[in-house]
Protein backbone atom coordinates (compact mmCIF):
# COMPACT_ATOMS: atom_id res chain seq x y z
CA MET A 1 -0.08 -0.06 0.35
CA VAL A 2 1.44 3.30 -1.29
CA VAL A 3 0.99 6.31 0.94
CA TYR A 4 0.58 9.19 -1.23
CA TYR A 5 1.74 13.06 0.56
CA ASN A 6 0.70 16.39 -1.06
CA VAL A 7 4.47 18.04 -2.47
CA ALA A 8 4.30 21.32 -4.18
CA GLY A 9 0.87 20.99 -5.49
CA ARG A 10 1.28 17.63 -6.34
CA LYS A 11 0.48 14.05 -4.76
CA VAL A 12 3.54 12.20 -4.69
CA GLY A 13 4.00 8.68 -3.51
CA SER A 14 5.93 7.71 -0.60
CA HIS A 15 8.03 4.86 -2.37
CA VAL A 16 8.85 7.63 -4.76
CA LEU A 17 9.61 10.46 -2.02
CA SER A 18 11.97 7.33 -0.64
CA MET A 19 13.95 7.10 -3.67
CA ALA A 20 14.20 10.49 -4.33
CA THR A 21 15.62 10.62 -0.58
CA LEU A 22 18.42 7.76 -0.83
CA GLY A 23 19.79 8.51 -4.43
CA ALA A 24 20.40 12.30 -2.36
CA LEU A 25 22.45 10.95 0.19
CA PHE A 26 24.39 8.39 -1.65
CA GLY A 27 24.84 11.12 -4.52
CA GLY A 28 26.32 13.96 -1.85
CA SER A 29 28.01 11.01 -0.27
CA TRP A 30 29.92 10.14 -3.44
CA LEU A 31 30.10 14.01 -4.45
CA ALA A 32 32.04 14.98 -1.10
CA LEU A 33 33.69 12.15 -0.32
CA ARG A 34 35.43 11.50 -4.29
CA GLY A 35 38.51 13.68 -3.63
CA GLY A 36 39.81 16.85 -4.86
CA ASP A 37 42.69 17.31 -7.23
CA LYS A 38 45.05 14.72 -7.07
CA LYS A 39 48.08 17.30 -7.98
CA GLN A 40 50.94 16.93 -5.26
CA GLN A 41 51.78 20.12 -3.45
CA THR A 42 55.25 20.46 -1.99
CA PRO A 43 55.77 21.98 1.30
CA PRO A 44 57.14 25.92 1.33
CA ILE A 45 60.94 26.08 1.37
CA ASN A 46 62.01 27.90 4.64
CA ALA A 47 65.70 28.27 3.52
CA SER A 48 67.57 30.63 5.46
CA SER A 49 69.94 31.71 2.08
CA LYS A 50 69.20 32.03 -1.82
CA ASP A 51 71.74 29.34 -2.75
CA GLU A 52 70.47 26.75 -0.01
CA GLU A 53 66.77 27.43 -1.62
CA GLN A 54 68.06 26.67 -5.07
CA PHE A 55 70.06 23.57 -3.72
CA VAL A 56 66.57 22.43 -2.36
CA GLN A 57 65.21 23.37 -5.86
CA GLU A 58 67.23 21.28 -7.76
CA PHE A 59 67.12 18.18 -5.61
CA LEU A 60 63.67 17.85 -6.12
CA LYS A 61 63.86 17.99 -9.58
CA ASN A 62 66.35 15.44 -9.78
CA VAL A 63 64.18 13.36 -7.09
CA GLU A 64 61.13 13.94 -9.51
CA ALA A 65 63.26 12.77 -12.18
CA GLU A 66 64.74 9.88 -11.04
CA GLU A 67 60.42 8.72 -9.69
CA LYS A 68 59.65 9.44 -13.61
CA LYS A 69 62.70 6.98 -14.71
CA ALA A 70 61.28 4.14 -12.40
CA LYS A 71 57.56 4.48 -13.50
CA GLN A 72 58.51 3.66 -17.31
């Protein structure tokens, strides 16, 4: 047996309301939990001198290049 509710001037069955509620719940959860950008962000470099900063940046570039070679 179906109970009908008056929603926005139209008769809507309880089964339709339950499907809409579950769809909104699972759809909203999926959108919220699918994650953001996959881009990795490096933390800021707090170097005491410009040479130290350049050394760290060059080191990070070398490590990234080695990781790319290892994946291939």
